[in-house]
Amino acid sequence: MCLAIPGKILDAEQIGDNRVGRIQFGGITRQAYLDWVPEAQPGDFVMVHVGFAISRVDEAEAKRTYEILEQMGLLEDPGE
């Protein structure tokens, strides 16, 4: 199963030939490549799959998706 998680772009920078951003997923922040969503800017929400932002989404859609993933138990800490 493929799973994309919504996150908010905190900042973005060019590293070599790639555009990389810090993405916030709830209380977790990770880096993701932004090359596939060149229009995305800090403050925007994106869907991230295996370290690549694959589409831009509005904040309401990101929150709905995040809530569904939580209800399904897919966002629980595996250490719990």
N, C-alpha and C. Protein backbone atom coordinates (compact mmCIF):
# COMPACT_ATOMS: atom_id res chain seq x y z
N MET A 1 0.85 -1.18 0.00
CA MET A 1 0.00 0.00 0.00
C MET A 1 0.89 1.23 0.00
N CYS A 2 0.56 2.20 -0.84
CA CYS A 2 1.27 3.48 -0.86
C CYS A 2 0.54 4.43 0.07
N LEU A 3 1.32 5.20 0.79
CA LEU A 3 0.73 6.12 1.76
C LEU A 3 1.45 7.45 1.70
N ALA A 4 0.71 8.52 1.47
CA ALA A 4 1.26 9.87 1.50
C ALA A 4 0.70 10.56 2.73
N ILE A 5 1.55 11.30 3.41
CA ILE A 5 1.18 11.98 4.65
C ILE A 5 1.18 13.49 4.41
N PRO A 6 0.15 14.21 4.87
CA PRO A 6 0.15 15.66 4.70
C PRO A 6 1.08 16.33 5.69
N GLY A 7 1.75 17.37 5.23
CA GLY A 7 2.64 18.15 6.10
C GLY A 7 2.72 19.58 5.63
N LYS A 8 3.19 20.44 6.52
CA LYS A 8 3.31 21.87 6.23
C LYS A 8 4.76 22.21 5.96
N ILE A 9 5.02 22.94 4.87
CA ILE A 9 6.38 23.35 4.54
C ILE A 9 6.80 24.49 5.47
N LEU A 10 7.86 24.26 6.23
CA LEU A 10 8.37 25.30 7.12
C LEU A 10 9.36 26.21 6.40
N ASP A 11 10.23 25.63 5.60
CA ASP A 11 11.18 26.41 4.80
C ASP A 11 11.66 25.56 3.65
N ALA A 12 12.31 26.22 2.69
CA ALA A 12 12.80 25.51 1.51
C ALA A 12 14.13 26.12 1.09
N GLU A 13 14.99 25.27 0.51
CA GLU A 13 16.27 25.74 0.02
C GLU A 13 16.71 24.89 -1.16
N GLN A 14 17.58 25.46 -1.94
CA GLN A 14 18.15 24.75 -3.08
C GLN A 14 19.45 24.09 -2.60
N ILE A 15 19.56 22.78 -2.78
CA ILE A 15 20.78 22.04 -2.45
C ILE A 15 21.21 21.33 -3.72
N GLY A 16 22.24 21.86 -4.35
CA GLY A 16 22.67 21.31 -5.64
C GLY A 16 21.57 21.51 -6.65
N ASP A 17 21.16 20.44 -7.30
CA ASP A 17 20.09 20.51 -8.30
C ASP A 17 18.70 20.29 -7.71
N ASN A 18 18.62 20.07 -6.40
CA ASN A 18 17.35 19.72 -5.77
C ASN A 18 16.84 20.82 -4.85
N ARG A 19 15.53 20.96 -4.83
CA ARG A 19 14.86 21.85 -3.88
C ARG A 19 14.37 20.99 -2.73
N VAL A 20 14.80 21.35 -1.52
CA VAL A 20 14.50 20.55 -0.33
C VAL A 20 13.83 21.44 0.70
N GLY A 21 12.85 20.88 1.40
CA GLY A 21 12.17 21.65 2.43
C GLY A 21 12.08 20.89 3.73
N ARG A 22 11.95 21.64 4.83
CA ARG A 22 11.63 21.04 6.12
C ARG A 22 10.12 21.02 6.22
N ILE A 23 9.57 19.81 6.44
CA ILE A 23 8.13 19.61 6.46
C ILE A 23 7.71 19.18 7.86
N GLN A 24 6.66 19.82 8.38
CA GLN A 24 6.15 19.50 9.72
C GLN A 24 4.93 18.59 9.60
N PHE A 25 5.02 17.45 10.27
CA PHE A 25 3.92 16.47 10.33
C PHE A 25 3.50 16.38 11.78
N GLY A 26 2.52 17.15 12.19
CA GLY A 26 2.16 17.17 13.61
C GLY A 26 3.35 17.68 14.40
N GLY A 27 3.86 16.89 15.33
CA GLY A 27 4.99 17.29 16.15
C GLY A 27 6.34 16.84 15.60
N ILE A 28 6.36 16.27 14.40
CA ILE A 28 7.59 15.75 13.82
C ILE A 28 7.97 16.59 12.60
N THR A 29 9.26 16.86 12.45
CA THR A 29 9.75 17.59 11.28
C THR A 29 10.75 16.73 10.54
N ARG A 30 10.58 16.63 9.22
CA ARG A 30 11.47 15.85 8.37
C ARG A 30 11.76 16.65 7.10
N GLN A 31 12.82 16.26 6.41
CA GLN A 31 13.12 16.88 5.12
C GLN A 31 12.44 16.09 4.01
N ALA A 32 12.06 16.81 2.96
CA ALA A 32 11.47 16.17 1.78
C ALA A 32 11.88 16.96 0.55
N TYR A 33 11.98 16.27 -0.56
CA TYR A 33 12.28 16.92 -1.83
C TYR A 33 11.02 17.61 -2.34
N LEU A 34 11.19 18.82 -2.84
CA LEU A 34 10.06 19.62 -3.34
C LEU A 34 10.08 19.77 -4.86
N ASP A 35 10.95 19.05 -5.53
CA ASP A 35 11.12 19.20 -6.98
C ASP A 35 9.85 18.93 -7.77
N TRP A 36 8.99 18.05 -7.31
CA TRP A 36 7.77 17.68 -8.04
C TRP A 36 6.64 18.67 -7.81
N VAL A 37 6.81 19.60 -6.86
CA VAL A 37 5.81 20.64 -6.60
C VAL A 37 6.50 22.01 -6.58
N PRO A 38 7.00 22.45 -7.74
CA PRO A 38 7.79 23.69 -7.78
C PRO A 38 7.02 24.92 -7.32
N GLU A 39 5.70 24.88 -7.38
CA GLU A 39 4.89 26.02 -6.96
C GLU A 39 4.72 26.11 -5.44
N ALA A 40 5.05 25.05 -4.72
CA ALA A 40 4.86 25.00 -3.27
C ALA A 40 5.87 25.92 -2.56
N GLN A 41 5.38 26.66 -1.58
CA GLN A 41 6.18 27.62 -0.83
C GLN A 41 6.02 27.37 0.67
N PRO A 42 6.93 27.91 1.49
CA PRO A 42 6.75 27.80 2.94
C PRO A 42 5.37 28.30 3.35
N GLY A 43 4.73 27.51 4.23
CA GLY A 43 3.36 27.79 4.66
C GLY A 43 2.33 26.94 3.94
N ASP A 44 2.70 26.40 2.77
CA ASP A 44 1.80 25.52 2.02
C ASP A 44 1.81 24.12 2.62
N PHE A 45 0.75 23.38 2.34
CA PHE A 45 0.64 21.98 2.75
C PHE A 45 0.86 21.10 1.53
N VAL A 46 1.60 20.02 1.73
CA VAL A 46 1.90 19.07 0.66
C VAL A 46 1.68 17.65 1.15
N MET A 47 1.43 16.76 0.21
CA MET A 47 1.37 15.33 0.51
C MET A 47 2.76 14.77 0.24
N VAL A 48 3.33 14.05 1.22
CA VAL A 48 4.69 13.53 1.11
C VAL A 48 4.66 12.00 1.13
N HIS A 49 5.35 11.42 0.15
CA HIS A 49 5.46 9.96 0.05
C HIS A 49 6.94 9.62 -0.10
N VAL A 50 7.45 8.80 0.77
CA VAL A 50 8.85 8.35 0.80
C VAL A 50 9.85 9.48 0.56
N GLY A 51 9.63 10.61 1.22
CA GLY A 51 10.58 11.71 1.17
C GLY A 51 10.42 12.67 0.01
N PHE A 52 9.36 12.51 -0.77
CA PHE A 52 9.09 13.40 -1.90
C PHE A 52 7.70 14.01 -1.76
N ALA A 53 7.62 15.34 -1.84
CA ALA A 53 6.32 16.00 -1.89
C ALA A 53 5.76 15.71 -3.28
N ILE A 54 4.54 15.14 -3.32
CA ILE A 54 3.98 14.73 -4.61
C ILE A 54 2.82 15.60 -5.07
N SER A 55 2.23 16.38 -4.16
CA SER A 55 1.16 17.29 -4.56
C SER A 55 0.94 18.31 -3.46
N ARG A 56 0.38 19.43 -3.86
CA ARG A 56 0.00 20.47 -2.92
C ARG A 56 -1.46 20.27 -2.55
N VAL A 57 -1.81 20.51 -1.30
CA VAL A 57 -3.21 20.40 -0.85
C VAL A 57 -3.51 21.61 0.02
N ASP A 58 -4.81 21.93 0.14
CA ASP A 58 -5.15 23.03 1.03
C ASP A 58 -5.13 22.55 2.48
N GLU A 59 -5.10 23.49 3.40
CA GLU A 59 -4.97 23.15 4.82
C GLU A 59 -6.13 22.27 5.31
N ALA A 60 -7.33 22.57 4.88
CA ALA A 60 -8.49 21.78 5.31
C ALA A 60 -8.36 20.32 4.87
N GLU A 61 -7.95 20.11 3.63
CA GLU A 61 -7.76 18.74 3.12
C GLU A 61 -6.65 18.03 3.88
N ALA A 62 -5.56 18.74 4.18
CA ALA A 62 -4.46 18.14 4.94
C ALA A 62 -4.95 17.70 6.32
N LYS A 63 -5.73 18.53 6.98
CA LYS A 63 -6.24 18.19 8.31
C LYS A 63 -7.19 17.00 8.25
N ARG A 64 -8.07 16.96 7.24
CA ARG A 64 -9.00 15.82 7.09
C ARG A 64 -8.22 14.52 6.88
N THR A 65 -7.23 14.56 6.03
CA THR A 65 -6.42 13.37 5.76
C THR A 65 -5.70 12.91 7.01
N TYR A 66 -5.12 13.87 7.74
CA TYR A 66 -4.39 13.54 8.96
C TYR A 66 -5.32 12.89 9.99
N GLU A 67 -6.54 13.42 10.12
CA GLU A 67 -7.52 12.85 11.06
C GLU A 67 -7.90 11.43 10.67
N ILE A 68 -8.10 11.18 9.39
CA ILE A 68 -8.44 9.83 8.93
C ILE A 68 -7.31 8.86 9.23
N LEU A 69 -6.06 9.27 8.96
CA LEU A 69 -4.92 8.40 9.24
C LEU A 69 -4.81 8.10 10.74
N GLU A 70 -5.09 9.11 11.58
CA GLU A 70 -5.07 8.88 13.04
C GLU A 70 -6.14 7.88 13.44
N GLN A 71 -7.37 8.03 12.90
CA GLN A 71 -8.47 7.11 13.22
C GLN A 71 -8.14 5.68 12.79
N MET A 72 -7.41 5.55 11.71
CA MET A 72 -7.03 4.21 11.23
C MET A 72 -5.87 3.63 12.02
N GLY A 73 -5.28 4.45 12.90
CA GLY A 73 -4.15 3.97 13.70
C GLY A 73 -2.84 3.96 12.95
N LEU A 74 -2.78 4.66 11.82
CA LEU A 74 -1.57 4.64 11.01
C LEU A 74 -0.54 5.68 11.44
N LEU A 75 -0.89 6.54 12.38
CA LEU A 75 0.04 7.56 12.83
C LEU A 75 0.52 7.33 14.25
N GLU A 76 0.17 6.21 14.81
CA GLU A 76 0.60 5.91 16.17
C GLU A 76 2.08 5.59 16.22
N ASP A 77 2.70 5.93 17.32
CA ASP A 77 4.13 5.65 17.52
C ASP A 77 4.31 4.15 17.62
N PRO A 78 5.14 3.55 16.75
CA PRO A 78 5.33 2.10 16.81
C PRO A 78 5.95 1.62 18.12
N GLY A 79 6.55 2.54 18.89
CA GLY A 79 7.16 2.18 20.16
C GLY A 79 6.15 2.07 21.29
N GLU A 80 4.91 2.47 21.03
CA GLU A 80 3.91 2.43 22.10
C GLU A 80 3.31 1.06 22.27
